[in-house]
Amino acid sequence: MLPVNYDLDAYRGDTWSQGFRFLRDTTPVDLTGATLKSEARAPDGTSTTLIVQIDDAADGRFGLRLPTPVPPPGRYEYDIELTEPGNVISTWVKGALNVVRDVTNEL
């Protein structure tokens, strides 16, 4: 069942974040003491580390944001990896991250 495929769109130049909540069946995954990592990889193989911020560890909630500087416009592959206490590593989410060029505040 894992990883779940979830595609994202981010408008470059805007403040962007995407919230997630990890559940096992209907029970929130306790992220206390866990580590979440996420990277986006361009077709040429270059990677960008995405920012992961745990918002409510006990309820399994966290947010994903673009780093500064924001990656160039384009389509990237990304995933989110969870390392739980005891060094149990699993990839929960994967998909495409589409960074769209901003017109007004083009970077």
PDB file of N, CA and C in Angstrom:
ATOM      1  N   MET A   1       0.808  -1.194   0.000  1.00  0.00           N
ATOM      2  CA  MET A   1       0.000   0.000   0.000  1.00  0.00           C
ATOM      3  C   MET A   1       0.851   1.258   0.000  1.00  0.00           C
ATOM      4  N   LEU A   2       2.017   1.215   0.594  1.00  0.00           N
ATOM      5  CA  LEU A   2       2.886   2.388   0.611  1.00  0.00           C
ATOM      6  C   LEU A   2       3.945   2.227  -0.469  1.00  0.00           C
ATOM      7  N   PRO A   3       4.412   3.281  -1.055  1.00  0.00           N
ATOM      8  CA  PRO A   3       3.990   4.659  -0.814  1.00  0.00           C
ATOM      9  C   PRO A   3       2.724   5.008  -1.593  1.00  0.00           C
ATOM     10  N   VAL A   4       1.997   5.975  -1.049  1.00  0.00           N
ATOM     11  CA  VAL A   4       0.806   6.510  -1.696  1.00  0.00           C
ATOM     12  C   VAL A   4       1.263   7.553  -2.719  1.00  0.00           C
ATOM     13  N   ASN A   5       0.662   7.547  -3.895  1.00  0.00           N
ATOM     14  CA  ASN A   5       1.001   8.538  -4.913  1.00  0.00           C
ATOM     15  C   ASN A   5       0.149   9.791  -4.709  1.00  0.00           C
ATOM     16  N   TYR A   6       0.826  10.956  -4.597  1.00  0.00           N
ATOM     17  CA  TYR A   6       0.129  12.222  -4.396  1.00  0.00           C
ATOM     18  C   TYR A   6       0.898  13.320  -5.122  1.00  0.00           C
ATOM     19  N   ASP A   7       0.329  13.812  -6.230  1.00  0.00           N
ATOM     20  CA  ASP A   7       0.979  14.858  -7.015  1.00  0.00           C
ATOM     21  C   ASP A   7       0.686  16.236  -6.418  1.00  0.00           C
ATOM     22  N   LEU A   8       1.670  17.137  -6.508  1.00  0.00           N
ATOM     23  CA  LEU A   8       1.574  18.474  -5.929  1.00  0.00           C
ATOM     24  C   LEU A   8       1.874  19.535  -6.986  1.00  0.00           C
ATOM     25  N   ASP A   9       1.238  20.695  -6.861  1.00  0.00           N
ATOM     26  CA  ASP A   9       1.527  21.868  -7.682  1.00  0.00           C
ATOM     27  C   ASP A   9       1.907  23.014  -6.768  1.00  0.00           C
ATOM     28  N   ALA A  10       3.015  23.671  -7.064  1.00  0.00           N
ATOM     29  CA  ALA A  10       3.471  24.824  -6.284  1.00  0.00           C
ATOM     30  C   ALA A  10       3.730  25.973  -7.253  1.00  0.00           C
ATOM     31  N   TYR A  11       3.169  27.132  -6.942  1.00  0.00           N
ATOM     32  CA  TYR A  11       3.352  28.320  -7.770  1.00  0.00           C
ATOM     33  C   TYR A  11       4.584  29.057  -7.262  1.00  0.00           C
ATOM     34  N   ARG A  12       5.628  29.074  -8.072  1.00  0.00           N
ATOM     35  CA  ARG A  12       6.906  29.665  -7.673  1.00  0.00           C
ATOM     36  C   ARG A  12       6.724  31.146  -7.355  1.00  0.00           C
ATOM     37  N   GLY A  13       7.258  31.591  -6.228  1.00  0.00           N
ATOM     38  CA  GLY A  13       7.141  32.980  -5.813  1.00  0.00           C
ATOM     39  C   GLY A  13       6.073  33.171  -4.749  1.00  0.00           C
ATOM     40  N   ASP A  14       5.146  32.206  -4.631  1.00  0.00           N
ATOM     41  CA  ASP A  14       4.130  32.267  -3.584  1.00  0.00           C
ATOM     42  C   ASP A  14       4.629  31.535  -2.345  1.00  0.00           C
ATOM     43  N   THR A  15       4.059  31.880  -1.199  1.00  0.00           N
ATOM     44  CA  THR A  15       4.321  31.117   0.017  1.00  0.00           C
ATOM     45  C   THR A  15       3.511  29.843  -0.115  1.00  0.00           C
ATOM     46  N   TRP A  16       4.192  28.708  -0.213  1.00  0.00           N
ATOM     47  CA  TRP A  16       3.529  27.438  -0.494  1.00  0.00           C
ATOM     48  C   TRP A  16       3.832  26.426   0.593  1.00  0.00           C
ATOM     49  N   SER A  17       2.818  25.711   0.991  1.00  0.00           N
ATOM     50  CA  SER A  17       3.021  24.570   1.870  1.00  0.00           C
ATOM     51  C   SER A  17       1.901  23.575   1.628  1.00  0.00           C
ATOM     52  N   GLN A  18       2.179  22.333   1.925  1.00  0.00           N
ATOM     53  CA  GLN A  18       1.195  21.267   1.805  1.00  0.00           C
ATOM     54  C   GLN A  18       1.173  20.494   3.114  1.00  0.00           C
ATOM     55  N   GLY A  19      -0.002  20.385   3.713  1.00  0.00           N
ATOM     56  CA  GLY A  19      -0.141  19.651   4.963  1.00  0.00           C
ATOM     57  C   GLY A  19      -0.389  18.172   4.728  1.00  0.00           C
ATOM     58  N   PHE A  20       0.120  17.342   5.630  1.00  0.00           N
ATOM     59  CA  PHE A  20      -0.074  15.895   5.583  1.00  0.00           C
ATOM     60  C   PHE A  20      -0.421  15.400   6.982  1.00  0.00           C
ATOM     61  N   ARG A  21      -1.078  14.255   7.019  1.00  0.00           N
ATOM     62  CA  ARG A  21      -1.344  13.561   8.278  1.00  0.00           C
ATOM     63  C   ARG A  21      -1.169  12.067   8.009  1.00  0.00           C
ATOM     64  N   PHE A  22      -0.241  11.437   8.719  1.00  0.00           N
ATOM     65  CA  PHE A  22      -0.006  10.015   8.548  1.00  0.00           C
ATOM     66  C   PHE A  22      -0.888   9.230   9.504  1.00  0.00           C
ATOM     67  N   LEU A  23      -1.585   8.224   8.963  1.00  0.00           N
ATOM     68  CA  LEU A  23      -2.451   7.352   9.738  1.00  0.00           C
ATOM     69  C   LEU A  23      -2.104   5.896   9.450  1.00  0.00           C
ATOM     70  N   ARG A  24      -2.230   5.042  10.449  1.00  0.00           N
ATOM     71  CA  ARG A  24      -2.218   3.589  10.265  1.00  0.00           C
ATOM     72  C   ARG A  24      -3.652   3.154  10.507  1.00  0.00           C
ATOM     73  N   ASP A  25      -4.313   2.729   9.449  1.00  0.00           N
ATOM     74  CA  ASP A  25      -5.766   2.523   9.475  1.00  0.00           C
ATOM     75  C   ASP A  25      -6.392   3.869   9.834  1.00  0.00           C
ATOM     76  N   THR A  26      -6.989   4.007  10.995  1.00  0.00           N
ATOM     77  CA  THR A  26      -7.583   5.294  11.385  1.00  0.00           C
ATOM     78  C   THR A  26      -6.846   5.933  12.558  1.00  0.00           C
ATOM     79  N   THR A  27      -5.712   5.331  12.951  1.00  0.00           N
ATOM     80  CA  THR A  27      -4.949   5.818  14.100  1.00  0.00           C
ATOM     81  C   THR A  27      -3.799   6.708  13.638  1.00  0.00           C
ATOM     82  N   PRO A  28      -3.698   7.931  14.164  1.00  0.00           N
ATOM     83  CA  PRO A  28      -2.574   8.799  13.794  1.00  0.00           C
ATOM     84  C   PRO A  28      -1.233   8.146  14.157  1.00  0.00           C
ATOM     85  N   VAL A  29      -0.243   8.329  13.282  1.00  0.00           N
ATOM     86  CA  VAL A  29       1.115   7.870  13.552  1.00  0.00           C
ATOM     87  C   VAL A  29       1.772   8.898  14.466  1.00  0.00           C
ATOM     88  N   ASP A  30       2.237   8.465  15.633  1.00  0.00           N
ATOM     89  CA  ASP A  30       2.905   9.374  16.561  1.00  0.00           C
ATOM     90  C   ASP A  30       4.305   9.663  16.021  1.00  0.00           C
ATOM     91  N   LEU A  31       4.548  10.898  15.657  1.00  0.00           N
ATOM     92  CA  LEU A  31       5.823  11.303  15.071  1.00  0.00           C
ATOM     93  C   LEU A  31       6.846  11.740  16.121  1.00  0.00           C
ATOM     94  N   THR A  32       6.508  11.604  17.393  1.00  0.00           N
ATOM     95  CA  THR A  32       7.439  11.949  18.467  1.00  0.00           C
ATOM     96  C   THR A  32       8.676  11.069  18.347  1.00  0.00           C
ATOM     97  N   GLY A  33       9.837  11.677  18.255  1.00  0.00           N
ATOM     98  CA  GLY A  33      11.091  10.937  18.129  1.00  0.00           C
ATOM     99  C   GLY A  33      11.359  10.421  16.733  1.00  0.00           C
ATOM    100  N   ALA A  34      10.483  10.719  15.793  1.00  0.00           N
ATOM    101  CA  ALA A  34      10.655  10.276  14.408  1.00  0.00           C
ATOM    102  C   ALA A  34      11.344  11.370  13.591  1.00  0.00           C
ATOM    103  N   THR A  35      11.836  10.984  12.426  1.00  0.00           N
ATOM    104  CA  THR A  35      12.451  11.916  11.489  1.00  0.00           C
ATOM    105  C   THR A  35      11.732  11.803  10.157  1.00  0.00           C
ATOM    106  N   LEU A  36      11.382  12.936   9.578  1.00  0.00           N
ATOM    107  CA  LEU A  36      10.781  12.986   8.250  1.00  0.00           C
ATOM    108  C   LEU A  36      11.747  13.690   7.309  1.00  0.00           C
ATOM    109  N   LYS A  37      11.940  13.107   6.124  1.00  0.00           N
ATOM    110  CA  LYS A  37      12.798  13.720   5.114  1.00  0.00           C
ATOM    111  C   LYS A  37      12.082  13.696   3.777  1.00  0.00           C
ATOM    112  N   SER A  38      12.367  14.705   2.963  1.00  0.00           N
ATOM    113  CA  SER A  38      11.771  14.762   1.638  1.00  0.00           C
ATOM    114  C   SER A  38      12.737  15.436   0.675  1.00  0.00           C
ATOM    115  N   GLU A  39      12.827  14.878  -0.521  1.00  0.00           N
ATOM    116  CA  GLU A  39      13.631  15.473  -1.588  1.00  0.00           C
ATOM    117  C   GLU A  39      12.827  15.499  -2.868  1.00  0.00           C
ATOM    118  N   ALA A  40      13.131  16.477  -3.708  1.00  0.00           N
ATOM    119  CA  ALA A  40      12.579  16.555  -5.054  1.00  0.00           C
ATOM    120  C   ALA A  40      13.742  16.394  -6.024  1.00  0.00           C
ATOM    121  N   ARG A  41      13.548  15.560  -7.049  1.00  0.00           N
ATOM    122  CA  ARG A  41      14.616  15.293  -8.008  1.00  0.00           C
ATOM    123  C   ARG A  41      14.152  15.691  -9.405  1.00  0.00           C
ATOM    124  N   ALA A  42      14.993  16.501 -10.078  1.00  0.00           N
ATOM    125  CA  ALA A  42      14.718  16.958 -11.439  1.00  0.00           C
ATOM    126  C   ALA A  42      15.072  15.854 -12.435  1.00  0.00           C
ATOM    127  N   PRO A  43      14.566  15.951 -13.676  1.00  0.00           N
ATOM    128  CA  PRO A  43      14.889  14.942 -14.685  1.00  0.00           C
ATOM    129  C   PRO A  43      16.395  14.792 -14.939  1.00  0.00           C
ATOM    130  N   ASP A  44      17.177  15.868 -14.715  1.00  0.00           N
ATOM    131  CA  ASP A  44      18.629  15.777 -14.929  1.00  0.00           C
ATOM    132  C   ASP A  44      19.356  15.132 -13.746  1.00  0.00           C
ATOM    133  N   GLY A  45      18.605  14.760 -12.684  1.00  0.00           N
ATOM    134  CA  GLY A  45      19.204  14.075 -11.540  1.00  0.00           C
ATOM    135  C   GLY A  45      19.558  14.973 -10.375  1.00  0.00           C
ATOM    136  N   THR A  46      19.490  16.292 -10.556  1.00  0.00           N
ATOM    137  CA  THR A  46      19.792  17.175  -9.427  1.00  0.00           C
ATOM    138  C   THR A  46      18.663  17.102  -8.402  1.00  0.00           C
ATOM    139  N   SER A  47      19.031  17.220  -7.131  1.00  0.00           N
ATOM    140  CA  SER A  47      18.005  17.103  -6.100  1.00  0.00           C
ATOM    141  C   SER A  47      17.946  18.362  -5.243  1.00  0.00           C
ATOM    142  N   THR A  48      16.774  18.573  -4.665  1.00  0.00           N
ATOM    143  CA  THR A  48      16.503  19.684  -3.764  1.00  0.00           C
ATOM    144  C   THR A  48      15.870  19.111  -2.510  1.00  0.00           C
ATOM    145  N   THR A  49      16.406  19.466  -1.352  1.00  0.00           N
ATOM    146  CA  THR A  49      15.820  19.032  -0.093  1.00  0.00           C
ATOM    147  C   THR A  49      14.619  19.918   0.220  1.00  0.00           C
ATOM    148  N   LEU A  50      13.466  19.299   0.424  1.00  0.00           N
ATOM    149  CA  LEU A  50      12.267  20.028   0.798  1.00  0.00           C
ATOM    150  C   LEU A  50      12.216  20.179   2.310  1.00  0.00           C
ATOM    151  N   ILE A  51      11.554  21.207   2.794  1.00  0.00           N
ATOM    152  CA  ILE A  51      11.480  21.488   4.229  1.00  0.00           C
ATOM    153  C   ILE A  51      10.276  20.755   4.810  1.00  0.00           C
ATOM    154  N   VAL A  52      10.530  19.960   5.845  1.00  0.00           N
ATOM    155  CA  VAL A  52       9.469  19.233   6.543  1.00  0.00           C
ATOM    156  C   VAL A  52       9.400  19.771   7.961  1.00  0.00           C
ATOM    157  N   GLN A  53       8.206  20.189   8.376  1.00  0.00           N
ATOM    158  CA  GLN A  53       8.012  20.709   9.731  1.00  0.00           C
ATOM    159  C   GLN A  53       6.868  19.960  10.395  1.00  0.00           C
ATOM    160  N   ILE A  54       7.174  19.304  11.508  1.00  0.00           N
ATOM    161  CA  ILE A  54       6.140  18.597  12.259  1.00  0.00           C
ATOM    162  C   ILE A  54       5.299  19.623  13.008  1.00  0.00           C
ATOM    163  N   ASP A  55       3.991  19.583  12.769  1.00  0.00           N
ATOM    164  CA  ASP A  55       3.068  20.532  13.382  1.00  0.00           C
ATOM    165  C   ASP A  55       2.419  19.977  14.646  1.00  0.00           C
ATOM    166  N   ASP A  56       2.076  18.693  14.633  1.00  0.00           N
ATOM    167  CA  ASP A  56       1.451  18.032  15.786  1.00  0.00           C
ATOM    168  C   ASP A  56       1.907  16.580  15.774  1.00  0.00           C
ATOM    169  N   ALA A  57       2.994  16.301  16.491  1.00  0.00           N
ATOM    170  CA  ALA A  57       3.613  14.967  16.458  1.00  0.00           C
ATOM    171  C   ALA A  57       2.639  13.878  16.880  1.00  0.00           C
ATOM    172  N   ALA A  58       1.917  14.075  17.967  1.00  0.00           N
ATOM    173  CA  ALA A  58       1.016  13.041  18.484  1.00  0.00           C
ATOM    174  C   ALA A  58      -0.116  12.738  17.506  1.00  0.00           C
ATOM    175  N   ASP A  59      -0.503  13.728  16.700  1.00  0.00           N
ATOM    176  CA  ASP A  59      -1.612  13.555  15.754  1.00  0.00           C
ATOM    177  C   ASP A  59      -1.118  13.231  14.343  1.00  0.00           C
ATOM    178  N   GLY A  60       0.203  13.052  14.164  1.00  0.00           N
ATOM    179  CA  GLY A  60       0.751  12.669  12.860  1.00  0.00           C
ATOM    180  C   GLY A  60       0.714  13.747  11.809  1.00  0.00           C
ATOM    181  N   ARG A  61       0.656  15.022  12.218  1.00  0.00           N
ATOM    182  CA  ARG A  61       0.523  16.133  11.263  1.00  0.00           C
ATOM    183  C   ARG A  61       1.852  16.860  11.040  1.00  0.00           C
ATOM    184  N   PHE A  62       2.102  17.151   9.765  1.00  0.00           N
ATOM    185  CA  PHE A  62       3.302  17.911   9.393  1.00  0.00           C
ATOM    186  C   PHE A  62       3.048  18.637   8.084  1.00  0.00           C
ATOM    187  N   GLY A  63       3.934  19.587   7.780  1.00  0.00           N
ATOM    188  CA  GLY A  63       3.836  20.353   6.551  1.00  0.00           C
ATOM    189  C   GLY A  63       5.090  20.214   5.713  1.00  0.00           C
ATOM    190  N   LEU A  64       4.921  20.369   4.415  1.00  0.00           N
ATOM    191  CA  LEU A  64       6.019  20.314   3.446  1.00  0.00           C
ATOM    192  C   LEU A  64       6.083  21.667   2.752  1.00  0.00           C
ATOM    193  N   ARG A  65       7.299  22.238   2.657  1.00  0.00           N
ATOM    194  CA  ARG A  65       7.479  23.553   2.028  1.00  0.00           C
ATOM    195  C   ARG A  65       8.664  23.506   1.063  1.00  0.00           C
ATOM    196  N   LEU A  66       8.685  24.471   0.152  1.00  0.00           N
ATOM    197  CA  LEU A  66       9.822  24.624  -0.761  1.00  0.00           C
ATOM    198  C   LEU A  66      10.942  25.345  -0.034  1.00  0.00           C
ATOM    199  N   PRO A  67      12.189  25.032  -0.362  1.00  0.00           N
ATOM    200  CA  PRO A  67      13.316  25.722   0.257  1.00  0.00           C
ATOM    201  C   PRO A  67      13.567  27.074  -0.403  1.00  0.00           C
ATOM    202  N   THR A  68      14.471  27.827   0.179  1.00  0.00           N
ATOM    203  CA  THR A  68      14.969  29.062  -0.421  1.00  0.00           C
ATOM    204  C   THR A  68      16.440  28.839  -0.746  1.00  0.00           C
ATOM    205  N   PRO A  69      16.882  29.050  -1.954  1.00  0.00           N
ATOM    206  CA  PRO A  69      16.107  29.511  -3.099  1.00  0.00           C
ATOM    207  C   PRO A  69      15.166  28.414  -3.605  1.00  0.00           C
ATOM    208  N   VAL A  70      14.054  28.871  -4.193  1.00  0.00           N
ATOM    209  CA  VAL A  70      13.054  27.960  -4.746  1.00  0.00           C
ATOM    210  C   VAL A  70      13.632  27.306  -5.997  1.00  0.00           C
ATOM    211  N   PRO A  71      13.398  26.013  -6.180  1.00  0.00           N
ATOM    212  CA  PRO A  71      13.907  25.352  -7.389  1.00  0.00           C
ATOM    213  C   PRO A  71      13.316  25.974  -8.657  1.00  0.00           C
ATOM    214  N   PRO A  72      14.007  25.871  -9.777  1.00  0.00           N
ATOM    215  CA  PRO A  72      13.495  26.418 -11.030  1.00  0.00           C
ATOM    216  C   PRO A  72      12.167  25.761 -11.414  1.00  0.00           C
ATOM    217  N   PRO A  73      11.372  26.462 -12.226  1.00  0.00           N
ATOM    218  CA  PRO A  73      10.128  25.858 -12.689  1.00  0.00           C
ATOM    219  C   PRO A  73      10.408  24.525 -13.385  1.00  0.00           C
ATOM    220  N   GLY A  74       9.506  23.595 -13.215  1.00  0.00           N
ATOM    221  CA  GLY A  74       9.655  22.292 -13.854  1.00  0.00           C
ATOM    222  C   GLY A  74       8.920  21.215 -13.089  1.00  0.00           C
ATOM    223  N   ARG A  75       9.009  20.017 -13.622  1.00  0.00           N
ATOM    224  CA  ARG A  75       8.354  18.862 -13.014  1.00  0.00           C
ATOM    225  C   ARG A  75       9.425  18.019 -12.335  1.00  0.00           C
ATOM    226  N   TYR A  76       9.222  17.745 -11.059  1.00  0.00           N
ATOM    227  CA  TYR A  76      10.154  16.987 -10.238  1.00  0.00           C
ATOM    228  C   TYR A  76       9.454  15.741  -9.712  1.00  0.00           C
ATOM    229  N   GLU A  77      10.222  14.735  -9.344  1.00  0.00           N
ATOM    230  CA  GLU A  77       9.713  13.616  -8.569  1.00  0.00           C
ATOM    231  C   GLU A  77      10.078  13.896  -7.117  1.00  0.00           C
ATOM    232  N   TYR A  78       9.191  13.537  -6.191  1.00  0.00           N
ATOM    233  CA  TYR A  78       9.493  13.738  -4.777  1.00  0.00           C
ATOM    234  C   TYR A  78       8.995  12.529  -4.003  1.00  0.00           C
ATOM    235  N   ASP A  79       9.505  12.390  -2.787  1.00  0.00           N
ATOM    236  CA  ASP A  79       8.933  11.426  -1.856  1.00  0.00           C
ATOM    237  C   ASP A  79       9.140  11.914  -0.433  1.00  0.00           C
ATOM    238  N   ILE A  80       8.431  11.267   0.498  1.00  0.00           N
ATOM    239  CA  ILE A  80       8.542  11.594   1.916  1.00  0.00           C
ATOM    240  C   ILE A  80       8.863  10.307   2.654  1.00  0.00           C
ATOM    241  N   GLU A  81       9.982  10.329   3.358  1.00  0.00           N
ATOM    242  CA  GLU A  81      10.476   9.150   4.074  1.00  0.00           C
ATOM    243  C   GLU A  81      10.365   9.373   5.580  1.00  0.00           C
ATOM    244  N   LEU A  82       9.842   8.375   6.274  1.00  0.00           N
ATOM    245  CA  LEU A  82       9.679   8.417   7.724  1.00  0.00           C
ATOM    246  C   LEU A  82      10.647   7.427   8.355  1.00  0.00           C
ATOM    247  N   THR A  83      11.446   7.915   9.312  1.00  0.00           N
ATOM    248  CA  THR A  83      12.286   7.042  10.123  1.00  0.00           C
ATOM    249  C   THR A  83      11.735   7.092  11.538  1.00  0.00           C
ATOM    250  N   GLU A  84      11.203   5.957  11.983  1.00  0.00           N
ATOM    251  CA  GLU A  84      10.604   5.866  13.316  1.00  0.00           C
ATOM    252  C   GLU A  84      11.640   5.376  14.316  1.00  0.00           C
ATOM    253  N   PRO A  85      11.392   5.586  15.601  1.00  0.00           N
ATOM    254  CA  PRO A  85      12.302   5.068  16.619  1.00  0.00           C
ATOM    255  C   PRO A  85      12.553   3.571  16.376  1.00  0.00           C
ATOM    256  N   GLY A  86      13.792   3.154  16.601  1.00  0.00           N
ATOM    257  CA  GLY A  86      14.187   1.786  16.288  1.00  0.00           C
ATOM    258  C   GLY A  86      14.739   1.676  14.878  1.00  0.00           C
ATOM    259  N   ASN A  87      14.901   2.842  14.207  1.00  0.00           N
ATOM    260  CA  ASN A  87      15.464   2.933  12.859  1.00  0.00           C
ATOM    261  C   ASN A  87      14.622   2.189  11.819  1.00  0.00           C
ATOM    262  N   VAL A  88      13.286   2.230  11.974  1.00  0.00           N
ATOM    263  CA  VAL A  88      12.366   1.660  10.995  1.00  0.00           C
ATOM    264  C   VAL A  88      12.112   2.723   9.934  1.00  0.00           C
ATOM    265  N   ILE A  89      12.554   2.456   8.697  1.00  0.00           N
ATOM    266  CA  ILE A  89      12.482   3.433   7.614  1.00  0.00           C
ATOM    267  C   ILE A  89      11.429   2.985   6.602  1.00  0.00           C
ATOM    268  N   SER A  90      10.544   3.918   6.234  1.00  0.00           N
ATOM    269  CA  SER A  90       9.539   3.608   5.214  1.00  0.00           C
ATOM    270  C   SER A  90       9.196   4.877   4.441  1.00  0.00           C
ATOM    271  N   THR A  91       8.935   4.703   3.154  1.00  0.00           N
ATOM    272  CA  THR A  91       8.522   5.806   2.297  1.00  0.00           C
ATOM    273  C   THR A  91       6.998   5.788   2.239  1.00  0.00           C
ATOM    274  N   TRP A  92       6.365   6.875   2.668  1.00  0.00           N
ATOM    275  CA  TRP A  92       4.911   6.943   2.776  1.00  0.00           C
ATOM    276  C   TRP A  92       4.250   7.592   1.573  1.00  0.00           C
ATOM    277  N   VAL A  93       4.923   8.576   0.960  1.00  0.00           N
ATOM    278  CA  VAL A  93       4.305   9.346  -0.120  1.00  0.00           C
ATOM    279  C   VAL A  93       5.320   9.523  -1.233  1.00  0.00           C
ATOM    280  N   LYS A  94       4.841   9.460  -2.472  1.00  0.00           N
ATOM    281  CA  LYS A  94       5.668   9.767  -3.643  1.00  0.00           C
ATOM    282  C   LYS A  94       4.773  10.436  -4.663  1.00  0.00           C
ATOM    283  N   GLY A  95       5.394  11.114  -5.603  1.00  0.00           N
ATOM    284  CA  GLY A  95       4.593  11.720  -6.657  1.00  0.00           C
ATOM    285  C   GLY A  95       5.381  12.756  -7.435  1.00  0.00           C
ATOM    286  N   ALA A  96       4.654  13.521  -8.220  1.00  0.00           N
ATOM    287  CA  ALA A  96       5.243  14.602  -9.004  1.00  0.00           C
ATOM    288  C   ALA A  96       5.034  15.914  -8.259  1.00  0.00           C
ATOM    289  N   LEU A  97       6.058  16.745  -8.289  1.00  0.00           N
ATOM    290  CA  LEU A  97       5.976  18.111  -7.772  1.00  0.00           C
ATOM    291  C   LEU A  97       6.167  19.029  -8.967  1.00  0.00           C
ATOM    292  N   ASN A  98       5.113  19.731  -9.329  1.00  0.00           N
ATOM    293  CA  ASN A  98       5.148  20.635 -10.461  1.00  0.00           C
ATOM    294  C   ASN A  98       5.334  22.059  -9.946  1.00  0.00           C
ATOM    295  N   VAL A  99       6.508  22.638 -10.188  1.00  0.00           N
ATOM    296  CA  VAL A  99       6.789  24.024  -9.789  1.00  0.00           C
ATOM    297  C   VAL A  99       6.492  24.898 -11.004  1.00  0.00           C
ATOM    298  N   VAL A 100       5.474  25.752 -10.853  1.00  0.00           N
ATOM    299  CA  VAL A 100       4.985  26.586 -11.950  1.00  0.00           C
ATOM    300  C   VAL A 100       5.644  27.962 -11.896  1.00  0.00           C
ATOM    301  N   ARG A 101       6.047  28.464 -13.051  1.00  0.00           N
ATOM    302  CA  ARG A 101       6.683  29.772 -13.157  1.00  0.00           C
ATOM    303  C   ARG A 101       5.716  30.865 -12.716  1.00  0.00           C
ATOM    304  N   ASP A 102       6.194  31.774 -11.888  1.00  0.00           N
ATOM    305  CA  ASP A 102       5.418  32.925 -11.429  1.00  0.00           C
ATOM    306  C   ASP A 102       5.574  34.045 -12.460  1.00  0.00           C
ATOM    307  N   VAL A 103       4.491  34.747 -12.751  1.00  0.00           N
ATOM    308  CA  VAL A 103       4.537  35.830 -13.726  1.00  0.00           C
ATOM    309  C   VAL A 103       4.874  37.159 -13.040  1.00  0.00           C
ATOM    310  N   THR A 104       4.169  37.492 -11.971  1.00  0.00           N
ATOM    311  CA  THR A 104       4.323  38.782 -11.306  1.00  0.00           C
ATOM    312  C   THR A 104       5.659  38.900 -10.569  1.00  0.00           C
ATOM    313  N   ASN A 105       6.023  37.887  -9.842  1.00  0.00           N
ATOM    314  CA  ASN A 105       7.261  37.910  -9.057  1.00  0.00           C
ATOM    315  C   ASN A 105       8.244  36.874  -9.567  1.00  0.00           C
ATOM    316  N   GLU A 106       8.497  36.880 -10.854  1.00  0.00           N
ATOM    317  CA  GLU A 106       9.385  35.879 -11.436  1.00  0.00           C
ATOM    318  C   GLU A 106      10.762  35.960 -10.777  1.00  0.00           C
ATOM    319  N   LEU A 107      11.213  34.806 -10.287  1.00  0.00           N
ATOM    320  CA  LEU A 107      12.520  34.717  -9.626  1.00  0.00           C
ATOM    321  C   LEU A 107      13.554  34.161 -10.560  1.00  0.00           C
TER     322      LEU A 107
END
